[in-house]
Amino acid sequence: MDNLLTGIIGSKTRIKLLIRLFFNPNTRSYLRELSKEFNVSTNAVREELNQLTKTKLLKSHKNGRQVFYMANTNHALFPELKSMVSKVMGIDQVIDGIVNRLGALERAYLIDDYAKGKDTGIIDLLLVGDIDQYHLNDLSRKTERYTKRKIRSLVMNRDEFKEYSSKLENQPHLLIWESKNN
């Protein structure tokens, strides 16, 4: 996990928490879920959650016996941390390349694990528009080398997307780019 954040933040668990909760600020997670996902002790995760909550970078709320944590979008550092996390995950490079080279892109969604803030090594994208498939494949290969992550793309035209949109609501998704012409 050598990346931009490892030179700034010493705790790998804290880096994983920032990526998990700041990439998609709508994500909320609880202690045992995070401990299992990161494969570290609940005490290690609890310590980091307490530190991030104490500095008000995270908010928490109790639901029954579980305490859920989420990014504090009102914190002064939120925009910068979110931007840093996006750079670490390589999403900024993916979007820049897509927008500049792929034709008439209308929307781009991050779906599944990355939409939940889980860095699994596979970036799943849903691209809507008239996309140049040759350039998409070329861009994906180049970006995969840079980000060290696999990119899987699902390309749809506007009509196909209209049919698919009800299914999209039932899976994790995050709109990451939209044409101003829509």
Protein backbone atom coordinates (compact mmCIF):
# COMPACT_ATOMS: atom_id res chain seq x y z
CA MET A 1 0.00 0.00 0.00
CA ASP A 2 2.74 2.48 -0.86
CA ASN A 3 0.99 5.64 -1.90
CA LEU A 4 0.73 9.36 -1.33
CA LEU A 5 -0.73 8.92 2.16
CA THR A 6 1.94 6.53 3.54
CA GLY A 7 4.51 9.32 3.50
CA ILE A 8 2.19 11.58 5.50
CA ILE A 9 0.34 9.18 7.79
CA GLY A 10 2.21 6.46 9.66
CA SER A 11 -0.74 4.22 10.53
CA LYS A 12 -1.86 1.85 7.77
CA THR A 13 -5.15 1.35 9.59
CA ARG A 14 -5.77 5.11 9.61
CA ILE A 15 -5.01 5.28 5.88
CA LYS A 16 -7.48 2.46 5.21
CA LEU A 17 -10.13 4.24 7.29
CA LEU A 18 -9.62 7.51 5.42
CA ILE A 19 -9.86 5.75 2.06
CA ARG A 20 -12.92 3.76 3.15
CA LEU A 21 -14.84 6.71 4.61
CA PHE A 22 -13.66 9.73 2.62
CA PHE A 23 -13.79 8.35 -0.91
CA ASN A 24 -17.56 8.01 -0.73
CA PRO A 25 -18.74 10.19 2.16
CA ASN A 26 -22.17 8.53 2.11
CA THR A 27 -20.51 5.35 3.38
CA ARG A 28 -20.98 4.50 7.01
CA SER A 29 -19.34 1.59 8.77
CA TYR A 30 -19.08 0.05 12.22
CA LEU A 31 -16.12 -1.27 14.19
CA ARG A 32 -16.38 -5.03 13.64
CA GLU A 33 -17.11 -4.60 9.92
CA LEU A 34 -13.98 -2.48 9.49
CA SER A 35 -11.86 -4.80 11.63
CA LYS A 36 -12.88 -7.79 9.52
CA GLU A 37 -12.41 -5.92 6.22
CA PHE A 38 -8.94 -4.63 7.16
CA ASN A 39 -7.96 -7.91 8.86
CA VAL A 40 -6.74 -6.09 12.00
CA SER A 41 -7.84 -6.25 15.63
CA THR A 42 -10.90 -4.37 16.80
CA ASN A 43 -8.66 -2.53 19.30
CA ALA A 44 -6.43 -1.18 16.51
CA VAL A 45 -9.45 0.02 14.54
CA ARG A 46 -11.15 1.45 17.66
CA GLU A 47 -8.04 3.46 18.53
CA GLU A 48 -7.91 5.03 15.07
CA LEU A 49 -11.68 5.66 14.99
CA ASN A 50 -11.43 7.39 18.38
CA GLN A 51 -8.56 9.60 17.17
CA LEU A 52 -10.35 10.57 13.95
CA THR A 53 -13.59 11.22 15.86
CA LYS A 54 -11.77 13.29 18.49
CA THR A 55 -10.33 15.53 15.74
CA LYS A 56 -13.85 15.73 14.24
CA LEU A 57 -12.75 14.25 10.90
CA LEU A 58 -15.32 11.51 11.53
CA LYS A 59 -18.83 11.65 12.91
CA SER A 60 -20.48 8.80 14.73
CA HIS A 61 -24.00 7.80 15.67
CA LYS A 62 -25.35 4.91 17.64
CA ASN A 63 -27.98 2.56 16.26
CA GLY A 64 -28.88 -0.01 18.86
CA ARG A 65 -25.63 -1.53 20.07
CA GLN A 66 -23.63 -0.54 17.00
CA VAL A 67 -21.83 2.75 16.54
CA PHE A 68 -21.59 3.82 12.91
CA TYR A 69 -18.81 6.09 11.65
CA MET A 70 -18.80 8.36 8.60
CA ALA A 71 -16.75 11.22 7.17
CA ASN A 72 -17.56 14.66 8.56
CA THR A 73 -18.29 16.53 5.33
CA ASN A 74 -18.47 19.81 7.27
CA HIS A 75 -14.86 19.59 8.48
CA ALA A 76 -12.58 22.24 6.99
CA LEU A 77 -10.15 19.57 5.71
CA PHE A 78 -12.82 17.38 4.13
CA PRO A 79 -12.38 18.62 0.51
CA GLU A 80 -8.60 18.20 0.66
CA LEU A 81 -8.75 14.74 2.24
CA LYS A 82 -11.36 13.59 -0.26
CA SER A 83 -9.17 14.84 -3.10
CA MET A 84 -6.09 13.08 -1.68
CA VAL A 85 -8.01 9.83 -1.31
CA SER A 86 -9.21 10.07 -4.93
CA LYS A 87 -5.62 10.57 -6.07
CA VAL A 88 -4.44 7.59 -4.03
CA MET A 89 -7.11 5.40 -5.59
CA GLY A 90 -6.25 6.67 -9.07
CA ILE A 91 -9.79 7.78 -9.85
CA ASP A 92 -8.69 11.29 -10.82
CA GLN A 93 -6.46 9.86 -13.58
CA VAL A 94 -9.19 7.56 -14.84
CA ILE A 95 -11.75 10.36 -15.11
CA ASP A 96 -9.37 12.87 -16.71
CA GLY A 97 -8.48 10.35 -19.40
CA ILE A 98 -12.06 9.28 -20.01
CA VAL A 99 -13.40 12.80 -20.33
CA ASN A 100 -10.64 13.99 -22.62
CA ARG A 101 -10.34 11.01 -24.98
CA LEU A 102 -13.42 8.85 -25.17
CA GLY A 103 -15.96 10.71 -27.24
CA ALA A 104 -19.40 11.80 -26.10
CA LEU A 105 -19.38 10.70 -22.47
CA GLU A 106 -22.57 11.71 -20.65
CA ARG A 107 -22.02 10.15 -17.22
CA ALA A 108 -19.48 8.06 -15.38
CA TYR A 109 -20.33 5.99 -12.31
CA LEU A 110 -18.09 4.10 -9.97
CA ILE A 111 -19.93 0.92 -9.00
CA ASP A 112 -19.63 -1.91 -6.48
CA ASP A 113 -16.65 -2.07 -4.08
CA TYR A 114 -14.97 1.23 -4.95
CA ALA A 115 -18.32 3.03 -4.66
CA LYS A 116 -18.36 1.78 -1.06
CA GLY A 117 -14.80 3.01 -0.53
CA LYS A 118 -13.29 -0.49 -0.58
CA ASP A 119 -9.93 -0.57 -2.33
CA THR A 120 -10.08 -4.12 -3.76
CA GLY A 121 -7.74 -3.49 -6.67
CA ILE A 122 -10.52 -3.64 -9.29
CA ILE A 123 -12.18 -0.40 -10.37
CA ASP A 124 -15.64 -1.02 -11.84
CA LEU A 125 -16.93 1.80 -14.02
CA LEU A 126 -20.27 2.35 -15.70
CA LEU A 127 -19.88 4.74 -18.64
CA VAL A 128 -22.91 6.22 -20.37
CA GLY A 129 -22.63 7.76 -23.82
CA ASP A 130 -21.15 7.16 -27.25
CA ILE A 131 -17.75 5.83 -26.18
CA ASP A 132 -14.76 5.07 -28.43
CA GLN A 133 -14.08 1.45 -27.40
CA TYR A 134 -10.56 1.39 -28.87
CA HIS A 135 -9.48 4.43 -26.86
CA LEU A 136 -11.22 3.06 -23.76
CA ASN A 137 -9.19 -0.17 -23.95
CA ASP A 138 -5.97 1.76 -24.56
CA LEU A 139 -6.68 4.19 -21.74
CA SER A 140 -7.61 1.36 -19.36
CA ARG A 141 -4.32 -0.46 -19.99
CA LYS A 142 -2.24 2.69 -19.45
CA THR A 143 -4.18 3.72 -16.36
CA GLU A 144 -3.95 0.22 -14.88
CA ARG A 145 -0.16 0.43 -15.05
CA TYR A 146 -0.17 3.84 -13.36
CA THR A 147 -2.73 3.05 -10.64
CA LYS A 148 -1.76 -0.61 -10.16
CA ARG A 149 -5.47 -1.47 -10.26
CA LYS A 150 -7.55 -3.39 -12.79
CA ILE A 151 -10.27 -1.39 -14.57
CA ARG A 152 -13.49 -3.04 -15.71
CA SER A 153 -15.86 -0.93 -17.77
CA LEU A 154 -19.51 -1.38 -18.58
CA VAL A 155 -20.46 0.90 -21.49
CA MET A 156 -24.07 1.80 -22.28
CA ASN A 157 -25.81 4.22 -24.54
CA ARG A 158 -28.54 6.48 -23.15
CA ASP A 159 -31.40 4.04 -23.92
CA GLU A 160 -29.61 1.06 -22.41
CA PHE A 161 -28.89 3.12 -19.30
CA LYS A 162 -32.56 4.07 -18.92
CA GLU A 163 -33.44 0.37 -18.81
CA TYR A 164 -30.57 -0.42 -16.43
CA SER A 165 -31.04 2.51 -14.03
CA SER A 166 -33.53 0.66 -11.79
CA LYS A 167 -30.92 -2.10 -11.26
CA LEU A 168 -28.27 0.53 -10.52
CA GLU A 169 -30.33 1.81 -7.58
CA ASN A 170 -29.96 -1.60 -5.91
CA GLN A 171 -26.16 -1.70 -6.04
CA PRO A 172 -23.48 0.58 -4.62
CA HIS A 173 -22.82 3.40 -7.09
CA LEU A 174 -21.32 6.84 -7.09
CA LEU A 175 -21.71 9.41 -9.87
CA ILE A 176 -18.17 10.64 -10.47
CA TRP A 177 -18.67 12.72 -13.58
CA GLU A 178 -21.55 14.19 -15.54
CA SER A 179 -21.59 16.23 -18.73
CA LYS A 180 -22.78 19.79 -18.29
CA ASN A 181 -24.91 19.28 -21.43
CA ASN A 182 -27.22 16.77 -19.68
